Amino acid sequence: MSKKQEIISIATEIIHSKGYQPTSISDILDASNIGKGQFYHYFASKYDLGLAVVEYIIQNMTNPLITNTLQSKDDPKSKINKMLDWVIAYHSGMQEKLGCPIGNLAIEMSEHDETFRSKIQHFLTRWIEAIDNSLAEMIEQNQLNSNVDTRKSAEAIASMVQGGILLMKNQKDIQILKNVVDMIRLQFNLS
């Protein structure tokens, strides 16, 4: 891993735990064990680093959440179940309940910065479209009622997952997210 990638990775962890705005360049310098000169060699500003962090998070979430699951050749029910399993495994693996890194940034930055908002929106739109496509495949294979509006349902699933993560983070209880996932599975006949 290059030094620049190392700084982005460390900054991602700090921003995930503290938020973008409360994170200072000093926090990143201390955690990365670098000086200001080295920081500014790689990044023009904290904002420049922040955008790199958003891209890094999106890159690290796209493969397990979209490409390797929802866009795979698997059975559509299996695809959605694997996505839900990944969400639970990802959040179960955290020492602290920090929430979704992309969801946290969406809440914090969407009303303050258009570039952050549009990058996050692009990722969320791709995720919802991938869920939508899987639900449409379920209808084609007679695994889901043909009256289901797949777009609205995909938006509802993404919202339920993000809402479950928010409640889990607030309550510091992974069971809340598991309960939400159970309800998604029940509602869309995924079991």
N, C-alpha and C. Protein backbone atom coordinates (compact mmCIF):
# COMPACT_ATOMS: atom_id res chain seq x y z
N MET A 1 0.85 -1.17 0.00
CA MET A 1 0.00 0.00 0.00
C MET A 1 0.90 1.24 0.00
N SER A 2 0.61 2.17 -0.88
CA SER A 2 1.38 3.40 -0.95
C SER A 2 1.11 4.27 0.28
N LYS A 3 1.99 5.21 0.53
CA LYS A 3 1.80 6.11 1.67
C LYS A 3 0.49 6.89 1.52
N LYS A 4 0.18 7.33 0.30
CA LYS A 4 -1.06 8.06 0.07
C LYS A 4 -2.26 7.18 0.43
N GLN A 5 -2.26 5.94 -0.02
CA GLN A 5 -3.36 5.02 0.30
C GLN A 5 -3.43 4.75 1.80
N GLU A 6 -2.28 4.67 2.44
CA GLU A 6 -2.25 4.47 3.89
C GLU A 6 -2.91 5.64 4.61
N ILE A 7 -2.59 6.85 4.18
CA ILE A 7 -3.19 8.05 4.79
C ILE A 7 -4.71 8.04 4.57
N ILE A 8 -5.14 7.70 3.37
CA ILE A 8 -6.58 7.64 3.07
C ILE A 8 -7.26 6.59 3.96
N SER A 9 -6.64 5.44 4.10
CA SER A 9 -7.19 4.37 4.92
C SER A 9 -7.32 4.80 6.38
N ILE A 10 -6.28 5.40 6.91
CA ILE A 10 -6.31 5.88 8.30
C ILE A 10 -7.35 6.98 8.46
N ALA A 11 -7.39 7.92 7.52
CA ALA A 11 -8.37 9.00 7.58
C ALA A 11 -9.79 8.45 7.51
N THR A 12 -10.00 7.39 6.74
CA THR A 12 -11.32 6.76 6.64
C THR A 12 -11.77 6.26 8.00
N GLU A 13 -10.87 5.60 8.72
CA GLU A 13 -11.21 5.10 10.05
C GLU A 13 -11.56 6.23 11.01
N ILE A 14 -10.77 7.30 10.97
CA ILE A 14 -11.02 8.43 11.87
C ILE A 14 -12.34 9.11 11.52
N ILE A 15 -12.56 9.36 10.25
CA ILE A 15 -13.80 10.02 9.82
C ILE A 15 -15.00 9.14 10.10
N HIS A 16 -14.85 7.84 9.94
CA HIS A 16 -15.95 6.92 10.25
C HIS A 16 -16.31 7.01 11.73
N SER A 17 -15.32 7.16 12.57
CA SER A 17 -15.57 7.19 14.00
C SER A 17 -15.97 8.57 14.51
N LYS A 18 -15.38 9.64 13.97
CA LYS A 18 -15.64 11.00 14.48
C LYS A 18 -16.56 11.83 13.60
N GLY A 19 -16.61 11.52 12.32
CA GLY A 19 -17.30 12.37 11.36
C GLY A 19 -16.29 13.20 10.60
N TYR A 20 -16.69 13.70 9.44
CA TYR A 20 -15.77 14.48 8.61
C TYR A 20 -15.45 15.84 9.25
N GLN A 21 -16.48 16.58 9.61
CA GLN A 21 -16.24 17.93 10.10
C GLN A 21 -15.45 17.97 11.41
N PRO A 22 -15.73 17.10 12.38
CA PRO A 22 -14.94 17.14 13.62
C PRO A 22 -13.49 16.64 13.47
N THR A 23 -13.22 15.92 12.39
CA THR A 23 -11.87 15.40 12.18
C THR A 23 -10.97 16.54 11.72
N SER A 24 -9.84 16.67 12.41
CA SER A 24 -8.89 17.73 12.05
C SER A 24 -7.71 17.12 11.28
N ILE A 25 -7.00 17.99 10.59
CA ILE A 25 -5.78 17.54 9.92
C ILE A 25 -4.81 17.00 10.97
N SER A 26 -4.77 17.61 12.14
CA SER A 26 -3.88 17.13 13.22
C SER A 26 -4.22 15.70 13.62
N ASP A 27 -5.52 15.37 13.66
CA ASP A 27 -5.92 13.98 13.96
C ASP A 27 -5.31 13.02 12.95
N ILE A 28 -5.35 13.42 11.69
CA ILE A 28 -4.85 12.56 10.61
C ILE A 28 -3.32 12.49 10.65
N LEU A 29 -2.68 13.63 10.90
CA LEU A 29 -1.21 13.65 11.00
C LEU A 29 -0.74 12.75 12.13
N ASP A 30 -1.38 12.87 13.29
CA ASP A 30 -0.99 12.06 14.45
C ASP A 30 -1.19 10.58 14.19
N ALA A 31 -2.35 10.21 13.68
CA ALA A 31 -2.66 8.80 13.44
C ALA A 31 -1.79 8.21 12.33
N SER A 32 -1.45 9.03 11.35
CA SER A 32 -0.64 8.56 10.21
C SER A 32 0.85 8.66 10.48
N ASN A 33 1.19 9.34 11.56
CA ASN A 33 2.60 9.56 11.91
C ASN A 33 3.35 10.25 10.78
N ILE A 34 2.74 11.33 10.28
CA ILE A 34 3.36 12.13 9.21
C ILE A 34 3.33 13.60 9.60
N GLY A 35 4.09 14.40 8.90
CA GLY A 35 4.08 15.84 9.12
C GLY A 35 3.20 16.53 8.09
N LYS A 36 3.02 17.85 8.30
CA LYS A 36 2.18 18.62 7.39
C LYS A 36 2.72 18.60 5.96
N GLY A 37 4.04 18.66 5.83
CA GLY A 37 4.64 18.66 4.49
C GLY A 37 4.27 17.42 3.70
N GLN A 38 4.34 16.27 4.37
CA GLN A 38 3.99 15.02 3.69
C GLN A 38 2.50 14.99 3.36
N PHE A 39 1.67 15.48 4.29
CA PHE A 39 0.24 15.54 4.03
C PHE A 39 -0.04 16.36 2.78
N TYR A 40 0.52 17.56 2.74
CA TYR A 40 0.26 18.46 1.61
C TYR A 40 0.95 18.04 0.32
N HIS A 41 1.89 17.11 0.44
CA HIS A 41 2.47 16.51 -0.77
C HIS A 41 1.41 15.68 -1.51
N TYR A 42 0.54 15.02 -0.74
CA TYR A 42 -0.47 14.14 -1.32
C TYR A 42 -1.83 14.80 -1.51
N PHE A 43 -2.17 15.75 -0.63
CA PHE A 43 -3.51 16.34 -0.64
C PHE A 43 -3.41 17.86 -0.55
N ALA A 44 -4.22 18.54 -1.34
CA ALA A 44 -4.20 20.00 -1.33
C ALA A 44 -4.85 20.56 -0.07
N SER A 45 -5.75 19.77 0.53
CA SER A 45 -6.50 20.25 1.70
C SER A 45 -7.20 19.08 2.38
N LYS A 46 -7.80 19.35 3.52
CA LYS A 46 -8.63 18.36 4.19
C LYS A 46 -9.79 17.96 3.28
N TYR A 47 -10.34 18.92 2.57
CA TYR A 47 -11.44 18.67 1.64
C TYR A 47 -11.01 17.68 0.56
N ASP A 48 -9.84 17.87 0.00
CA ASP A 48 -9.29 16.97 -1.02
C ASP A 48 -9.17 15.55 -0.45
N LEU A 49 -8.66 15.45 0.77
CA LEU A 49 -8.58 14.15 1.43
C LEU A 49 -9.98 13.59 1.67
N GLY A 50 -10.91 14.44 2.09
CA GLY A 50 -12.28 13.99 2.35
C GLY A 50 -12.92 13.35 1.13
N LEU A 51 -12.72 13.97 -0.03
CA LEU A 51 -13.27 13.39 -1.27
C LEU A 51 -12.59 12.06 -1.60
N ALA A 52 -11.28 11.98 -1.31
CA ALA A 52 -10.56 10.71 -1.53
C ALA A 52 -11.11 9.63 -0.59
N VAL A 53 -11.47 10.02 0.62
CA VAL A 53 -12.04 9.08 1.58
C VAL A 53 -13.40 8.58 1.07
N VAL A 54 -14.24 9.47 0.57
CA VAL A 54 -15.54 9.05 0.03
C VAL A 54 -15.34 8.05 -1.11
N GLU A 55 -14.42 8.33 -2.01
CA GLU A 55 -14.15 7.42 -3.12
C GLU A 55 -13.61 6.08 -2.62
N TYR A 56 -12.78 6.11 -1.60
CA TYR A 56 -12.22 4.89 -1.01
C TYR A 56 -13.33 4.04 -0.38
N ILE A 57 -14.22 4.69 0.37
CA ILE A 57 -15.33 3.96 0.99
C ILE A 57 -16.21 3.33 -0.10
N ILE A 58 -16.54 4.11 -1.10
CA ILE A 58 -17.39 3.61 -2.18
C ILE A 58 -16.71 2.44 -2.88
N GLN A 59 -15.43 2.55 -3.16
CA GLN A 59 -14.69 1.47 -3.80
C GLN A 59 -14.73 0.21 -2.94
N ASN A 60 -14.56 0.37 -1.63
CA ASN A 60 -14.53 -0.79 -0.74
C ASN A 60 -15.91 -1.39 -0.47
N MET A 61 -16.96 -0.64 -0.74
CA MET A 61 -18.31 -1.17 -0.53
C MET A 61 -18.95 -1.67 -1.82
N THR A 62 -18.49 -1.20 -2.96
CA THR A 62 -19.10 -1.58 -4.23
C THR A 62 -18.97 -3.07 -4.51
N ASN A 63 -17.78 -3.63 -4.37
CA ASN A 63 -17.61 -5.05 -4.69
C ASN A 63 -18.42 -5.96 -3.79
N PRO A 64 -18.29 -5.87 -2.46
CA PRO A 64 -19.06 -6.82 -1.65
C PRO A 64 -20.57 -6.57 -1.65
N LEU A 65 -20.98 -5.33 -1.82
CA LEU A 65 -22.40 -5.00 -1.73
C LEU A 65 -23.12 -5.09 -3.07
N ILE A 66 -22.44 -4.71 -4.14
CA ILE A 66 -23.11 -4.65 -5.45
C ILE A 66 -22.51 -5.66 -6.43
N THR A 67 -21.27 -5.47 -6.82
CA THR A 67 -20.68 -6.26 -7.91
C THR A 67 -20.65 -7.76 -7.62
N ASN A 68 -20.15 -8.15 -6.46
CA ASN A 68 -19.99 -9.57 -6.15
C ASN A 68 -21.25 -10.23 -5.63
N THR A 69 -22.28 -9.46 -5.35
CA THR A 69 -23.51 -10.04 -4.82
C THR A 69 -24.69 -9.77 -5.75
N LEU A 70 -25.16 -8.53 -5.75
CA LEU A 70 -26.38 -8.20 -6.48
C LEU A 70 -26.22 -8.28 -8.00
N GLN A 71 -25.01 -8.14 -8.50
CA GLN A 71 -24.80 -8.23 -9.95
C GLN A 71 -24.20 -9.58 -10.36
N SER A 72 -24.17 -10.53 -9.44
CA SER A 72 -23.64 -11.86 -9.75
C SER A 72 -24.66 -12.65 -10.57
N LYS A 73 -24.29 -13.84 -10.97
CA LYS A 73 -25.17 -14.72 -11.75
C LYS A 73 -26.03 -15.61 -10.84
N ASP A 74 -25.95 -15.40 -9.53
CA ASP A 74 -26.70 -16.21 -8.58
C ASP A 74 -28.21 -16.02 -8.75
N ASP A 75 -28.94 -16.91 -8.15
CA ASP A 75 -30.40 -16.81 -8.06
C ASP A 75 -30.73 -15.47 -7.37
N PRO A 76 -31.78 -14.75 -7.83
CA PRO A 76 -32.07 -13.42 -7.28
C PRO A 76 -32.32 -13.41 -5.77
N LYS A 77 -33.00 -14.42 -5.26
CA LYS A 77 -33.21 -14.49 -3.81
C LYS A 77 -31.87 -14.61 -3.09
N SER A 78 -31.02 -15.45 -3.63
CA SER A 78 -29.70 -15.65 -3.05
C SER A 78 -28.88 -14.36 -3.06
N LYS A 79 -29.01 -13.59 -4.14
CA LYS A 79 -28.27 -12.33 -4.24
C LYS A 79 -28.67 -11.36 -3.13
N ILE A 80 -29.96 -11.21 -2.94
CA ILE A 80 -30.43 -10.27 -1.92
C ILE A 80 -30.06 -10.79 -0.53
N ASN A 81 -30.20 -12.10 -0.32
CA ASN A 81 -29.81 -12.68 0.97
C ASN A 81 -28.32 -12.49 1.25
N LYS A 82 -27.49 -12.68 0.23
CA LYS A 82 -26.05 -12.48 0.42
C LYS A 82 -25.74 -11.03 0.75
N MET A 83 -26.44 -10.10 0.11
CA MET A 83 -26.25 -8.69 0.43
C MET A 83 -26.60 -8.43 1.89
N LEU A 84 -27.74 -8.95 2.33
CA LEU A 84 -28.16 -8.76 3.71
C LEU A 84 -27.19 -9.43 4.69
N ASP A 85 -26.71 -10.62 4.34
CA ASP A 85 -25.71 -11.30 5.17
C ASP A 85 -24.43 -10.47 5.29
N TRP A 86 -24.01 -9.87 4.17
CA TRP A 86 -22.81 -9.03 4.19
C TRP A 86 -23.00 -7.83 5.11
N VAL A 87 -24.16 -7.20 5.04
CA VAL A 87 -24.44 -6.03 5.89
C VAL A 87 -24.31 -6.42 7.37
N ILE A 88 -24.90 -7.54 7.74
CA ILE A 88 -24.83 -7.97 9.14
C ILE A 88 -23.39 -8.32 9.52
N ALA A 89 -22.69 -9.07 8.65
CA ALA A 89 -21.31 -9.45 8.96
C ALA A 89 -20.41 -8.22 9.09
N TYR A 90 -20.59 -7.25 8.20
CA TYR A 90 -19.79 -6.03 8.23
C TYR A 90 -19.96 -5.31 9.56
N HIS A 91 -21.20 -5.15 10.00
CA HIS A 91 -21.46 -4.40 11.23
C HIS A 91 -21.19 -5.24 12.47
N SER A 92 -21.30 -6.56 12.39
CA SER A 92 -20.97 -7.42 13.52
C SER A 92 -19.47 -7.40 13.80
N GLY A 93 -18.68 -7.18 12.75
CA GLY A 93 -17.23 -7.19 12.89
C GLY A 93 -16.64 -5.94 13.51
N MET A 94 -17.43 -4.90 13.69
CA MET A 94 -16.91 -3.66 14.27
C MET A 94 -16.79 -3.79 15.79
N GLN A 95 -15.69 -3.27 16.32
CA GLN A 95 -15.51 -3.25 17.77
C GLN A 95 -16.57 -2.35 18.42
N GLU A 96 -16.80 -1.19 17.81
CA GLU A 96 -17.83 -0.27 18.28
C GLU A 96 -18.88 -0.19 17.19
N LYS A 97 -20.03 0.19 17.55
CA LYS A 97 -21.11 0.33 16.56
C LYS A 97 -21.03 1.74 15.96
N LEU A 98 -20.26 1.86 14.89
CA LEU A 98 -20.00 3.16 14.28
C LEU A 98 -21.01 3.55 13.22
N GLY A 99 -21.79 2.61 12.76
CA GLY A 99 -22.74 2.89 11.69
C GLY A 99 -22.13 2.67 10.33
N CYS A 100 -22.90 2.97 9.31
CA CYS A 100 -22.46 2.81 7.93
C CYS A 100 -21.60 4.01 7.54
N PRO A 101 -20.39 3.79 7.05
CA PRO A 101 -19.54 4.93 6.70
C PRO A 101 -20.16 5.82 5.62
N ILE A 102 -20.84 5.24 4.66
CA ILE A 102 -21.44 6.04 3.60
C ILE A 102 -22.72 6.72 4.11
N GLY A 103 -23.48 6.00 4.93
CA GLY A 103 -24.69 6.58 5.51
C GLY A 103 -24.36 7.74 6.46
N ASN A 104 -23.32 7.57 7.27
CA ASN A 104 -22.91 8.65 8.17
C ASN A 104 -22.54 9.91 7.38
N LEU A 105 -21.75 9.73 6.33
CA LEU A 105 -21.36 10.88 5.51
C LEU A 105 -22.55 11.49 4.79
N ALA A 106 -23.48 10.66 4.36
CA ALA A 106 -24.69 11.19 3.70
C ALA A 106 -25.45 12.10 4.65
N ILE A 107 -25.61 11.66 5.88
CA ILE A 107 -26.34 12.46 6.87
C ILE A 107 -25.56 13.74 7.19
N GLU A 108 -24.25 13.60 7.39
CA GLU A 108 -23.43 14.75 7.80
C GLU A 108 -23.21 15.77 6.69
N MET A 109 -22.96 15.31 5.47
CA MET A 109 -22.43 16.21 4.45
C MET A 109 -23.40 16.59 3.33
N SER A 110 -24.48 15.86 3.16
CA SER A 110 -25.35 16.10 1.99
C SER A 110 -25.90 17.52 1.92
N GLU A 111 -26.22 18.10 3.04
CA GLU A 111 -26.77 19.46 2.99
C GLU A 111 -25.68 20.53 2.97
N HIS A 112 -24.43 20.13 3.18
CA HIS A 112 -23.34 21.11 3.26
C HIS A 112 -22.46 21.17 2.03
N ASP A 113 -22.39 20.10 1.25
CA ASP A 113 -21.45 20.08 0.14
C ASP A 113 -22.01 19.25 -1.01
N GLU A 114 -22.17 19.87 -2.15
CA GLU A 114 -22.76 19.21 -3.31
C GLU A 114 -21.89 18.10 -3.87
N THR A 115 -20.58 18.26 -3.82
CA THR A 115 -19.70 17.22 -4.37
C THR A 115 -19.78 15.95 -3.52
N PHE A 116 -19.72 16.09 -2.20
CA PHE A 116 -19.89 14.94 -1.32
C PHE A 116 -21.25 14.29 -1.60
N ARG A 117 -22.31 15.12 -1.62
CA ARG A 117 -23.66 14.62 -1.81
C ARG A 117 -23.80 13.84 -3.11
N SER A 118 -23.28 14.38 -4.19
CA SER A 118 -23.46 13.72 -5.49
C SER A 118 -22.68 12.41 -5.58
N LYS A 119 -21.49 12.36 -4.98
CA LYS A 119 -20.73 11.09 -4.98
C LYS A 119 -21.47 10.01 -4.19
N ILE A 120 -22.00 10.40 -3.04
CA ILE A 120 -22.75 9.46 -2.21
C ILE A 120 -24.04 9.05 -2.90
N GLN A 121 -24.72 10.02 -3.51
CA GLN A 121 -25.97 9.72 -4.22
C GLN A 121 -25.71 8.72 -5.35
N HIS A 122 -24.63 8.91 -6.08
CA HIS A 122 -24.32 7.99 -7.18
C HIS A 122 -24.17 6.56 -6.67
N PHE A 123 -23.47 6.39 -5.56
CA PHE A 123 -23.31 5.05 -4.98
C PHE A 123 -24.66 4.49 -4.54
N LEU A 124 -25.43 5.28 -3.79
CA LEU A 124 -26.72 4.80 -3.29
C LEU A 124 -27.67 4.46 -4.44
N THR A 125 -27.63 5.25 -5.50
CA THR A 125 -28.47 4.97 -6.68
C THR A 125 -28.07 3.64 -7.31
N ARG A 126 -26.77 3.39 -7.44
CA ARG A 126 -26.31 2.10 -7.99
C ARG A 126 -26.76 0.94 -7.13
N TRP A 127 -26.69 1.10 -5.82
CA TRP A 127 -27.11 0.04 -4.89
C TRP A 127 -28.61 -0.23 -5.04
N ILE A 128 -29.41 0.83 -5.04
CA ILE A 128 -30.86 0.68 -5.19
C ILE A 128 -31.20 0.04 -6.54
N GLU A 129 -30.54 0.46 -7.61
CA GLU A 129 -30.79 -0.13 -8.93
C GLU A 129 -30.45 -1.61 -8.95
N ALA A 130 -29.38 -2.00 -8.26
CA ALA A 130 -29.00 -3.41 -8.22
C ALA A 130 -30.04 -4.23 -7.44
N ILE A 131 -30.57 -3.68 -6.36
CA ILE A 131 -31.65 -4.35 -5.62
C ILE A 131 -32.89 -4.44 -6.51
N ASP A 132 -33.22 -3.35 -7.17
CA ASP A 132 -34.36 -3.29 -8.09
C ASP A 132 -34.25 -4.40 -9.14
N ASN A 133 -33.09 -4.54 -9.75
CA ASN A 133 -32.88 -5.57 -10.78
C ASN A 133 -33.07 -6.97 -10.21
N SER A 134 -32.60 -7.20 -9.00
CA SER A 134 -32.76 -8.52 -8.37
C SER A 134 -34.23 -8.80 -8.08
N LEU A 135 -34.96 -7.80 -7.61
CA LEU A 135 -36.39 -7.98 -7.37
C LEU A 135 -37.13 -8.26 -8.69
N ALA A 136 -36.75 -7.57 -9.75
CA ALA A 136 -37.37 -7.81 -11.06
C ALA A 136 -37.09 -9.24 -11.53
N GLU A 137 -35.89 -9.74 -11.29
CA GLU A 137 -35.56 -11.13 -11.62
C GLU A 137 -36.43 -12.09 -10.81
N MET A 138 -36.68 -11.75 -9.54
CA MET A 138 -37.55 -12.60 -8.72
C MET A 138 -38.95 -12.67 -9.33
N ILE A 139 -39.45 -11.55 -9.81
CA ILE A 139 -40.78 -11.54 -10.46
C ILE A 139 -40.75 -12.40 -11.72
N GLU A 140 -39.71 -12.26 -12.54
CA GLU A 140 -39.58 -13.06 -13.77
C GLU A 140 -39.56 -14.55 -13.47
N GLN A 141 -39.00 -14.93 -12.32
CA GLN A 141 -38.90 -16.33 -11.94
C GLN A 141 -40.05 -16.78 -11.02
N ASN A 142 -41.09 -15.98 -10.96
CA ASN A 142 -42.27 -16.27 -10.14
C ASN A 142 -41.93 -16.49 -8.67
N GLN A 143 -40.95 -15.75 -8.17
CA GLN A 143 -40.56 -15.82 -6.76
C GLN A 143 -41.14 -14.64 -5.97
N LEU A 144 -41.79 -13.72 -6.68
CA LEU A 144 -42.33 -12.52 -6.05
C LEU A 144 -43.56 -12.10 -6.84
N ASN A 145 -44.55 -11.60 -6.15
CA ASN A 145 -45.80 -11.16 -6.77
C ASN A 145 -45.52 -10.12 -7.86
N SER A 146 -46.13 -10.28 -9.00
CA SER A 146 -45.89 -9.38 -10.14
C SER A 146 -46.43 -7.96 -9.91
N ASN A 147 -47.26 -7.78 -8.88
CA ASN A 147 -47.78 -6.44 -8.56
C ASN A 147 -46.78 -5.59 -7.78
N VAL A 148 -45.68 -6.18 -7.34
CA VAL A 148 -44.68 -5.45 -6.55
C VAL A 148 -44.00 -4.40 -7.42
N ASP A 149 -43.95 -3.18 -6.93
CA ASP A 149 -43.20 -2.11 -7.59
C ASP A 149 -41.75 -2.27 -7.17
N THR A 150 -40.93 -2.78 -8.08
CA THR A 150 -39.56 -3.14 -7.70
C THR A 150 -38.72 -1.93 -7.32
N ARG A 151 -38.94 -0.80 -7.98
CA ARG A 151 -38.15 0.40 -7.64
C ARG A 151 -38.49 0.90 -6.23
N LYS A 152 -39.78 1.01 -5.95
CA LYS A 152 -40.18 1.46 -4.61
C LYS A 152 -39.73 0.46 -3.55
N SER A 153 -39.81 -0.81 -3.88
CA SER A 153 -39.39 -1.85 -2.94
C SER A 153 -37.89 -1.80 -2.70
N ALA A 154 -37.11 -1.56 -3.77
CA ALA A 154 -35.66 -1.46 -3.62
C ALA A 154 -35.30 -0.26 -2.74
N GLU A 155 -35.99 0.86 -2.95
CA GLU A 155 -35.76 2.04 -2.11
C GLU A 155 -36.13 1.73 -0.66
N ALA A 156 -37.22 0.98 -0.46
CA ALA A 156 -37.64 0.61 0.89
C ALA A 156 -36.62 -0.30 1.55
N ILE A 157 -36.09 -1.27 0.82
CA ILE A 157 -35.08 -2.16 1.38
C ILE A 157 -33.83 -1.38 1.79
N ALA A 158 -33.34 -0.52 0.90
CA ALA A 158 -32.16 0.28 1.23
C ALA A 158 -32.44 1.17 2.45
N SER A 159 -33.63 1.75 2.50
CA SER A 159 -34.00 2.61 3.62
C SER A 159 -34.12 1.82 4.92
N MET A 160 -34.69 0.62 4.83
CA MET A 160 -34.80 -0.22 6.02
C MET A 160 -33.42 -0.61 6.53
N VAL A 161 -32.53 -0.97 5.63
CA VAL A 161 -31.16 -1.33 6.04
C VAL A 161 -30.49 -0.13 6.70
N GLN A 162 -30.53 1.04 6.04
CA GLN A 162 -29.88 2.21 6.61
C GLN A 162 -30.55 2.63 7.93
N GLY A 163 -31.86 2.54 8.00
CA GLY A 163 -32.56 2.86 9.25
C GLY A 163 -32.20 1.88 10.36
N GLY A 164 -32.08 0.60 10.01
CA GLY A 164 -31.66 -0.41 10.98
C GLY A 164 -30.25 -0.14 11.49
N ILE A 165 -29.37 0.30 10.59
CA ILE A 165 -28.00 0.64 10.99
C ILE A 165 -28.02 1.84 11.93
N LEU A 166 -28.84 2.83 11.62
CA LEU A 166 -28.95 4.02 12.47
C LEU A 166 -29.42 3.64 13.87
N LEU A 167 -30.48 2.82 13.96
CA LEU A 167 -30.98 2.39 15.26
C LEU A 167 -29.96 1.53 15.99
N MET A 168 -29.28 0.64 15.25
CA MET A 168 -28.25 -0.20 15.84
C MET A 168 -27.14 0.66 16.44
N LYS A 169 -26.73 1.69 15.69
CA LYS A 169 -25.67 2.58 16.15
C LYS A 169 -26.10 3.31 17.42
N ASN A 170 -27.31 3.83 17.43
CA ASN A 170 -27.80 4.57 18.58
C ASN A 170 -27.96 3.67 19.81
N GLN A 171 -28.48 2.47 19.61
CA GLN A 171 -28.74 1.55 20.72
C GLN A 171 -27.52 0.68 21.06
N LYS A 172 -26.51 0.72 20.17
CA LYS A 172 -25.31 -0.13 20.32
C LYS A 172 -25.72 -1.60 20.49
N ASP A 173 -26.61 -2.03 19.57
CA ASP A 173 -27.16 -3.38 19.65
C ASP A 173 -27.35 -3.93 18.23
N ILE A 174 -26.51 -4.87 17.82
CA ILE A 174 -26.55 -5.46 16.48
C ILE A 174 -27.87 -6.19 16.25
N GLN A 175 -28.54 -6.61 17.32
CA GLN A 175 -29.79 -7.36 17.17
C GLN A 175 -30.85 -6.54 16.43
N ILE A 176 -30.83 -5.22 16.60
CA ILE A 176 -31.79 -4.37 15.90
C ILE A 176 -31.63 -4.51 14.40
N LEU A 177 -30.40 -4.47 13.92
CA LEU A 177 -30.16 -4.63 12.48
C LEU A 177 -30.57 -6.04 12.04
N LYS A 178 -30.28 -7.03 12.83
CA LYS A 178 -30.69 -8.40 12.50
C LYS A 178 -32.21 -8.50 12.40
N ASN A 179 -32.91 -7.82 13.30
CA ASN A 179 -34.38 -7.83 13.27
C ASN A 179 -34.90 -7.18 11.98
N VAL A 180 -34.29 -6.07 11.58
CA VAL A 180 -34.69 -5.40 10.34
C VAL A 180 -34.46 -6.32 9.15
N VAL A 181 -33.32 -6.99 9.12
CA VAL A 181 -33.02 -7.92 8.03
C VAL A 181 -34.03 -9.06 8.02
N ASP A 182 -34.39 -9.56 9.19
CA ASP A 182 -35.41 -10.62 9.27
C ASP A 182 -36.74 -10.14 8.67
N MET A 183 -37.11 -8.90 8.93
CA MET A 183 -38.36 -8.35 8.40
C MET A 183 -38.29 -8.18 6.87
N ILE A 184 -37.15 -7.77 6.37
CA ILE A 184 -36.98 -7.68 4.91
C ILE A 184 -37.14 -9.05 4.29
N ARG A 185 -36.51 -10.04 4.90
CA ARG A 185 -36.59 -11.40 4.36
C ARG A 185 -38.03 -11.92 4.39
N LEU A 186 -38.74 -11.62 5.45
CA LEU A 186 -40.13 -12.06 5.57
C LEU A 186 -41.00 -11.34 4.53
N GLN A 187 -40.85 -10.04 4.42
CA GLN A 187 -41.69 -9.24 3.53
C GLN A 187 -41.49 -9.62 2.05
N PHE A 188 -40.27 -10.00 1.68
CA PHE A 188 -39.98 -10.29 0.27
C PHE A 188 -39.75 -11.79 0.02
N ASN A 189 -40.23 -12.63 0.92
CA ASN A 189 -40.18 -14.10 0.75
C ASN A 189 -38.77 -14.58 0.42
N LEU A 190 -37.80 -14.10 1.18
CA LEU A 190 -36.41 -14.44 0.89
C LEU A 190 -35.92 -15.65 1.67
N SER A 191 -36.71 -16.13 2.62
CA SER A 191 -36.28 -17.26 3.46
C SER A 191 -36.53 -18.59 2.77
